[in-house]
Amino acid sequence: MSTMRDVARLAQVSTATVSRVINSPDSVRGKTRKKVLRAMKMCNYKYNALARGFATKKSNTIGLIIPNINNPVFAESTLGVQEYADEKQIKVILGNTSYKVSQEESLIKALRESQVDGLIITTTNPKGEIIKTLITEKIPFVLLFSTVKGGPVSVVGVDNYRGGYIATEHLISLGHNRIGMIAGSFSVTDRSYHRWHGYRQCLKDHGIPYNKNLLVQTGYSLSGGRDSIKQLLNQELSPSAVFCSNDYIALGAIKGAREAGLSLPEDLSIVGFDDMPTASYMVPALTTIRQPAYDMGKRACELLLQKMENPGKPEQHMMETKLVVRESTAAPQEVKTDKSENYWTSSDPRTNYIL
């Protein structure tokens, strides 16, 4: 097997020059760089990044763990991580947990054994033992899409409580007072839990009693949204509007509502959370809470690389959410005939705007 010394001898340069061509090619003159690359090809030299990692205690690789590879919002954040990492010549290893704590733990263990330099984790349990272990052992990591606002953990997320509040307030402003919620199971995410708290507080602030029968917890799947909306519609007093804790669930809920014979938004209004890229292409186009998934992924990667170089104090970055109003929400049937300027009427144009 050829070595760096063999390449240097054939190219008639130093081993330091060969190393610069490999690690920072722009720092080497074009003519010399071509000579070294030609020698590498002739020697069939393969650069051993892992061996360099053992020498420098760096692998130039990070791990990225997400809970659902099918959800477009996580695809967006992954793109943000990868593109920023590429700029810094860092490789990313991706793992999917399917919202399973055991899978998250095994992935973190496997990535650590692979000697990644740090981790970005969208965790199913921010207060779990595996996170405590990372803190104790001083492993560089950042939690992504988390609501943790303090303590010894670096976080990039949004104010999920506020997002749940403004989603609910939008429905109330249209005249709805029977508002249900389909929430991702609280046992596997703090995000859904905080969105539910925002929903509940908004009802209280507007004098609407909280009805526990109008809350359904489900798995993060299309079928979960479809089955949950049918469960809500089977209530003796079914909701006229539903807040779904993410767009993926909302998509399933829209299908379930149609299967139950309802028209949207005439018979039922639905609000999601995320503003995944397909939300504006759904029929009806989905009213939702936008969170900047790509920017969040990019910022998480930037923060992790900083922590790898200089641990410093934990940092929490809460990014902004916005209400995006589209076609899936309107005033309830009994309010649509009201001529008051406070309510939308049946002639309301289907707009797509941000509050």
Protein backbone atom coordinates (compact mmCIF):
# COMPACT_ATOMS: atom_id res chain seq x y z
CA MET A 1 0.00 0.00 0.00
CA SER A 2 1.37 3.39 -1.01
CA THR A 3 2.14 6.00 1.66
CA MET A 4 2.26 9.77 1.70
CA ARG A 5 6.05 9.49 1.59
CA ASP A 6 5.82 7.53 -1.72
CA VAL A 7 3.63 10.28 -3.21
CA ALA A 8 6.04 12.99 -2.05
CA ARG A 9 9.01 11.15 -3.56
CA LEU A 10 7.28 10.67 -6.94
CA ALA A 11 6.06 14.29 -7.06
CA GLN A 12 9.41 15.58 -5.80
CA VAL A 13 7.82 17.60 -3.00
CA SER A 14 7.79 17.35 0.78
CA THR A 15 5.27 15.24 2.72
CA ALA A 16 4.02 18.53 4.20
CA THR A 17 3.07 19.70 0.71
CA VAL A 18 1.22 16.44 0.04
CA SER A 19 -0.66 16.95 3.33
CA ARG A 20 -1.62 20.50 2.34
CA VAL A 21 -2.94 19.29 -1.02
CA ILE A 22 -5.16 16.82 0.85
CA ASN A 23 -6.36 19.07 3.67
CA SER A 24 -6.25 22.60 2.25
CA PRO A 25 -5.67 22.40 -1.52
CA ASP A 26 -6.29 26.12 -2.08
CA SER A 27 -3.12 26.88 -0.15
CA VAL A 28 -0.94 25.07 -2.74
CA ARG A 29 0.02 26.52 -6.12
CA GLY A 30 -1.94 25.07 -9.02
CA LYS A 31 1.08 23.55 -10.79
CA THR A 32 2.33 21.86 -7.63
CA ARG A 33 -1.16 20.68 -6.72
CA LYS A 34 -1.61 19.01 -10.12
CA LYS A 35 1.78 17.32 -9.77
CA VAL A 36 0.83 15.88 -6.37
CA LEU A 37 -2.61 14.74 -7.52
CA ARG A 38 -1.02 12.99 -10.52
CA ALA A 39 1.45 11.24 -8.25
CA MET A 40 -1.38 10.14 -5.91
CA LYS A 41 -3.18 8.62 -8.89
CA MET A 42 -0.07 6.85 -10.16
CA CYS A 43 0.61 5.44 -6.69
CA ASN A 44 -3.07 4.54 -6.20
CA TYR A 45 -2.77 6.40 -2.90
CA LYS A 46 -5.88 6.40 -0.70
CA TYR A 47 -5.97 9.04 2.03
CA ASN A 48 -6.78 7.44 5.36
CA ALA A 49 -8.94 10.00 7.15
CA LEU A 50 -9.54 7.63 10.06
CA ALA A 51 -5.81 7.24 10.69
CA ARG A 52 -5.45 11.00 10.69
CA GLY A 53 -8.31 11.16 13.15
CA PHE A 54 -6.50 8.87 15.58
CA ALA A 55 -3.43 11.11 15.32
CA THR A 56 -5.26 14.40 15.76
CA LYS A 57 -8.13 13.04 17.91
CA LYS A 58 -10.51 14.46 15.29
CA SER A 59 -12.51 12.64 12.65
CA ASN A 60 -13.99 15.76 10.99
CA THR A 61 -17.31 13.93 11.22
CA ILE A 62 -20.45 14.72 13.19
CA GLY A 63 -23.56 12.68 13.90
CA LEU A 64 -27.08 13.92 13.16
CA ILE A 65 -30.02 12.11 14.76
CA ILE A 66 -33.60 12.82 13.68
CA PRO A 67 -36.86 11.14 14.78
CA ASN A 68 -38.68 10.71 11.45
CA ILE A 69 -36.95 10.60 8.08
CA ASN A 70 -40.35 10.75 6.33
CA ASN A 71 -41.28 14.15 7.77
CA PRO A 72 -40.26 16.92 5.33
CA VAL A 73 -39.48 19.35 8.16
CA PHE A 74 -36.63 17.09 9.32
CA ALA A 75 -35.43 16.80 5.72
CA GLU A 76 -35.23 20.62 5.64
CA SER A 77 -33.25 20.82 8.88
CA THR A 78 -30.96 18.01 7.69
CA LEU A 79 -30.23 20.00 4.53
CA GLY A 80 -29.32 23.01 6.67
CA VAL A 81 -26.91 20.90 8.73
CA GLN A 82 -25.32 19.21 5.72
CA GLU A 83 -24.80 22.34 3.63
CA TYR A 84 -23.15 24.21 6.48
CA ALA A 85 -21.02 21.15 7.33
CA ASP A 86 -19.94 20.87 3.68
CA GLU A 87 -18.75 24.47 3.75
CA LYS A 88 -16.52 23.58 6.69
CA GLN A 89 -15.38 20.26 5.14
CA ILE A 90 -17.17 18.24 7.83
CA LYS A 91 -18.91 14.97 7.05
CA VAL A 92 -22.36 14.15 8.49
CA ILE A 93 -23.61 10.69 9.48
CA LEU A 94 -27.41 10.58 9.64
CA GLY A 95 -29.48 8.34 11.91
CA ASN A 96 -33.27 7.93 12.21
CA THR A 97 -34.88 6.91 15.53
CA SER A 98 -38.56 6.53 14.53
CA TYR A 99 -39.33 8.24 17.88
CA LYS A 100 -37.94 5.24 19.79
CA VAL A 101 -35.84 6.00 22.87
CA SER A 102 -34.00 2.68 22.57
CA GLN A 103 -33.10 3.43 18.95
CA GLU A 104 -31.87 6.90 19.91
CA GLU A 105 -29.65 5.45 22.60
CA SER A 106 -28.17 2.79 20.30
CA LEU A 107 -27.49 5.35 17.58
CA ILE A 108 -25.72 7.70 19.98
CA LYS A 109 -23.61 4.79 21.22
CA ALA A 110 -22.75 3.70 17.66
CA LEU A 111 -21.83 7.23 16.58
CA ARG A 112 -19.61 7.70 19.63
CA GLU A 113 -17.87 4.40 18.86
CA SER A 114 -17.32 5.73 15.34
CA GLN A 115 -15.46 8.63 16.97
CA VAL A 116 -17.63 11.45 15.64
CA ASP A 117 -16.50 14.83 16.96
CA GLY A 118 -19.98 15.92 18.06
CA LEU A 119 -23.71 15.27 17.82
CA ILE A 120 -26.84 17.13 16.76
CA ILE A 121 -29.88 15.42 18.23
CA THR A 122 -33.61 15.92 17.82
CA THR A 123 -34.31 13.93 20.94
CA THR A 124 -37.35 11.98 22.06
CA ASN A 125 -36.41 12.61 25.69
CA PRO A 126 -34.43 15.80 26.52
CA LYS A 127 -34.28 14.85 30.22
CA GLY A 128 -33.32 11.21 29.59
CA GLU A 129 -30.30 9.31 30.88
CA ILE A 130 -28.54 9.30 27.51
CA ILE A 131 -28.53 13.13 27.43
CA LYS A 132 -27.32 13.26 31.03
CA THR A 133 -24.48 10.90 30.08
CA LEU A 134 -23.39 13.16 27.23
CA ILE A 135 -23.33 16.12 29.62
CA THR A 136 -21.37 14.21 32.26
CA GLU A 137 -18.81 12.93 29.77
CA LYS A 138 -18.51 16.36 28.14
CA ILE A 139 -19.39 15.14 24.66
CA PRO A 140 -20.09 18.15 22.37
CA PHE A 141 -23.74 18.08 21.32
CA VAL A 142 -26.64 20.37 20.43
CA LEU A 143 -30.34 19.63 20.80
CA LEU A 144 -32.34 20.62 17.72
CA PHE A 145 -36.10 21.40 17.75
CA SER A 146 -36.12 21.45 21.54
CA THR A 147 -37.83 23.84 23.93
CA VAL A 148 -35.21 23.50 26.69
CA LYS A 149 -34.41 27.12 27.60
CA GLY A 150 -31.92 26.74 30.39
CA GLY A 151 -29.52 24.37 32.10
CA PRO A 152 -26.36 22.66 30.85
CA VAL A 153 -27.57 21.96 27.28
CA SER A 154 -27.02 23.89 24.05
CA VAL A 155 -30.26 24.14 22.09
CA VAL A 156 -31.65 25.46 18.81
CA GLY A 157 -35.44 25.54 18.69
CA VAL A 158 -38.54 27.71 18.69
CA ASP A 159 -41.00 28.80 21.36
CA ASN A 160 -43.43 25.92 20.94
CA TYR A 161 -45.69 27.29 23.68
CA ARG A 162 -46.08 30.55 21.79
CA GLY A 163 -46.64 28.72 18.52
CA GLY A 164 -49.46 26.67 20.03
CA TYR A 165 -50.96 29.82 21.49
CA ILE A 166 -51.07 31.80 18.25
CA ALA A 167 -52.43 28.83 16.27
CA THR A 168 -55.32 28.56 18.71
CA GLU A 169 -55.83 32.31 18.83
CA HIS A 170 -56.19 32.39 15.05
CA LEU A 171 -59.06 29.88 15.25
CA ILE A 172 -60.72 31.84 18.06
CA SER A 173 -60.44 35.05 16.02
CA LEU A 174 -62.47 33.35 13.28
CA GLY A 175 -65.25 32.62 15.75
CA HIS A 176 -64.49 29.02 16.75
CA ASN A 177 -65.09 28.00 20.38
CA ARG A 178 -65.08 24.21 20.00
CA ILE A 179 -61.40 23.70 19.18
CA GLY A 180 -59.83 20.27 19.36
CA MET A 181 -56.16 19.32 19.28
CA ILE A 182 -54.38 16.33 17.79
CA ALA A 183 -51.03 16.15 19.53
CA GLY A 184 -48.02 13.95 18.97
CA SER A 185 -47.61 11.71 21.98
CA PHE A 186 -46.25 13.70 24.94
CA SER A 187 -44.18 10.68 25.99
CA VAL A 188 -41.81 11.02 23.02
CA THR A 189 -41.45 14.78 22.56
CA ASP A 190 -41.43 17.94 24.63
CA ARG A 191 -42.34 19.94 21.52
CA SER A 192 -45.91 18.67 21.29
CA TYR A 193 -46.33 19.02 25.05
CA HIS A 194 -45.42 22.71 25.01
CA ARG A 195 -47.65 23.37 21.98
CA TRP A 196 -50.53 21.82 23.93
CA HIS A 197 -49.80 24.13 26.88
CA GLY A 198 -49.99 27.12 24.54
CA TYR A 199 -53.29 25.83 23.14
CA ARG A 200 -54.74 25.34 26.63
CA GLN A 201 -53.62 28.73 27.94
CA CYS A 202 -55.08 30.50 24.90
CA LEU A 203 -58.48 28.88 25.51
CA LYS A 204 -58.33 30.00 29.12
CA ASP A 205 -57.34 33.58 28.23
CA HIS A 206 -60.36 33.81 25.91
CA GLY A 207 -62.81 32.36 28.40
CA ILE A 208 -63.25 29.02 26.62
CA PRO A 209 -63.36 26.02 28.99
CA TYR A 210 -60.76 23.34 28.31
CA ASN A 211 -62.37 20.02 27.33
CA LYS A 212 -60.05 17.04 27.80
CA ASN A 213 -62.20 15.03 25.39
CA LEU A 214 -61.10 17.34 22.58
CA LEU A 215 -57.44 16.31 22.98
CA VAL A 216 -56.15 13.20 21.18
CA GLN A 217 -52.53 12.07 21.49
CA THR A 218 -51.23 9.99 18.61
CA GLY A 219 -48.15 8.74 16.82
CA TYR A 220 -46.36 11.01 14.36
CA SER A 221 -47.84 9.48 11.24
CA LEU A 222 -50.38 10.17 8.51
CA SER A 223 -52.56 7.34 9.80
CA GLY A 224 -52.35 8.81 13.30
CA GLY A 225 -53.78 12.10 12.05
CA ARG A 226 -56.50 10.36 10.02
CA ASP A 227 -57.64 8.10 12.87
CA SER A 228 -57.48 10.90 15.46
CA ILE A 229 -59.69 13.29 13.52
CA LYS A 230 -62.31 10.57 13.24
CA GLN A 231 -62.11 10.05 16.99
CA LEU A 232 -62.75 13.77 17.56
CA LEU A 233 -65.60 13.84 15.07
CA ASN A 234 -67.28 10.97 16.92
CA GLN A 235 -67.59 13.15 20.03
CA GLU A 236 -71.16 14.06 21.02
CA LEU A 237 -70.21 17.70 20.46
CA SER A 238 -67.52 17.55 17.81
CA PRO A 239 -65.07 20.43 17.21
CA SER A 240 -65.51 22.98 14.46
CA ALA A 241 -61.73 23.48 14.30
CA VAL A 242 -58.65 21.40 15.14
CA PHE A 243 -55.05 22.35 15.87
CA CYS A 244 -52.59 19.61 14.84
CA SER A 245 -49.19 19.65 16.49
CA ASN A 246 -47.42 19.20 13.16
CA ASP A 247 -48.18 19.39 9.44
CA TYR A 248 -47.62 15.69 8.91
CA ILE A 249 -50.42 14.86 11.35
CA ALA A 250 -52.54 17.64 9.79
CA LEU A 251 -52.21 16.03 6.35
CA GLY A 252 -53.59 12.77 7.75
CA ALA A 253 -56.35 14.69 9.55
CA ILE A 254 -57.46 16.36 6.31
CA LYS A 255 -57.76 12.95 4.66
CA GLY A 256 -59.69 11.58 7.64
CA ALA A 257 -62.10 14.52 7.62
CA ARG A 258 -62.80 14.00 3.92
CA GLU A 259 -63.40 10.29 4.49
CA ALA A 260 -65.96 11.33 7.14
CA GLY A 261 -67.78 13.38 4.49
CA LEU A 262 -66.66 16.84 5.57
CA SER A 263 -65.59 19.73 3.38
CA LEU A 264 -62.67 21.93 4.48
CA PRO A 265 -62.82 24.66 5.64
CA GLU A 266 -66.61 24.86 5.28
CA ASP A 267 -67.32 22.09 7.80
CA LEU A 268 -64.00 21.98 9.67
CA SER A 269 -60.93 24.21 10.00
CA ILE A 270 -57.48 22.69 10.50
CA VAL A 271 -54.22 24.35 11.55
CA GLY A 272 -50.82 22.63 11.44
CA PHE A 273 -47.36 23.41 12.76
CA ASP A 274 -44.04 23.49 10.81
CA ASP A 275 -44.94 24.88 7.36
CA MET A 276 -43.30 21.95 5.61
CA PRO A 277 -42.53 22.64 1.91
CA THR A 278 -45.65 20.81 0.72
CA ALA A 279 -48.06 22.71 3.04
CA SER A 280 -48.93 25.32 0.40
CA TYR A 281 -49.58 22.58 -2.20
CA MET A 282 -52.07 20.63 -0.09
CA VAL A 283 -55.78 20.82 -0.91
CA PRO A 284 -56.87 22.93 0.81
CA ALA A 285 -53.55 24.73 1.29
CA LEU A 286 -52.68 24.41 4.97
CA THR A 287 -52.82 27.21 7.52
CA THR A 288 -49.88 26.53 9.79
CA ILE A 289 -47.18 27.86 12.13
CA ARG A 290 -43.94 28.35 10.25
CA GLN A 291 -40.68 27.43 11.92
CA PRO A 292 -37.45 28.02 9.95
CA ALA A 293 -36.30 24.38 9.78
CA TYR A 294 -33.43 24.92 7.33
CA ASP A 295 -32.04 27.86 9.31
CA MET A 296 -32.42 25.91 12.55
CA GLY A 297 -30.38 23.03 11.14
CA LYS A 298 -27.71 25.40 9.87
CA ARG A 299 -27.53 27.24 13.20
CA ALA A 300 -27.32 23.95 15.13
CA CYS A 301 -24.36 22.85 13.01
CA GLU A 302 -22.66 26.23 13.40
CA LEU A 303 -23.16 26.09 17.16
CA LEU A 304 -21.87 22.51 17.40
CA LEU A 305 -18.67 23.31 15.51
CA GLN A 306 -18.11 26.24 17.85
CA LYS A 307 -18.62 23.97 20.86
CA MET A 308 -16.18 21.42 19.45
CA GLU A 309 -13.46 24.09 19.35
CA ASN A 310 -14.40 25.94 22.53
CA PRO A 311 -17.00 24.32 24.83
CA GLY A 312 -17.80 27.53 26.74
CA LYS A 313 -21.21 27.97 28.30
CA PRO A 314 -24.36 26.27 26.93
CA GLU A 315 -26.32 28.47 24.52
CA GLN A 316 -30.04 28.44 23.80
CA HIS A 317 -31.24 29.93 20.52
CA MET A 318 -35.01 30.29 20.15
CA MET A 319 -35.90 31.20 16.57
CA GLU A 320 -39.04 32.99 15.43
CA THR A 321 -42.32 31.37 14.41
CA LYS A 322 -45.01 32.95 12.20
CA LEU A 323 -48.64 32.20 11.54
CA VAL A 324 -49.17 31.49 7.82
CA VAL A 325 -52.86 31.73 6.90
CA ARG A 326 -54.00 29.74 3.87
CA GLU A 327 -57.15 27.91 2.79
CA SER A 328 -57.72 25.32 5.53
CA THR A 329 -59.27 27.75 8.05
CA ALA A 330 -62.43 29.86 7.94
CA ALA A 331 -65.25 30.97 10.22
CA PRO A 332 -67.56 28.19 11.43
CA GLN A 333 -70.84 27.66 9.57
CA GLU A 334 -72.98 29.38 12.20
CA VAL A 335 -70.74 32.47 12.07
CA LYS A 336 -70.28 32.77 8.31
CA THR A 337 -73.63 34.49 7.81
CA ASP A 338 -72.79 37.08 10.47
CA LYS A 339 -72.28 40.42 8.73
CA SER A 340 -70.05 41.66 11.53
CA GLU A 341 -66.67 42.86 10.32
CA ASN A 342 -65.09 40.82 13.08
CA TYR A 343 -65.65 37.55 11.22
CA TRP A 344 -64.71 36.09 7.86
CA THR A 345 -67.68 35.68 5.49
CA SER A 346 -68.32 33.02 2.85
CA SER A 347 -66.97 35.43 0.22
CA ASP A 348 -63.61 35.61 1.98
CA PRO A 349 -60.86 35.22 -0.67
CA ARG A 350 -58.51 32.27 -0.17
CA THR A 351 -55.40 34.15 0.73
CA ASN A 352 -51.89 33.07 1.60
CA TYR A 353 -50.35 35.58 3.97
CA ILE A 354 -48.28 35.78 7.12
CA LEU A 355 -49.33 37.43 10.36
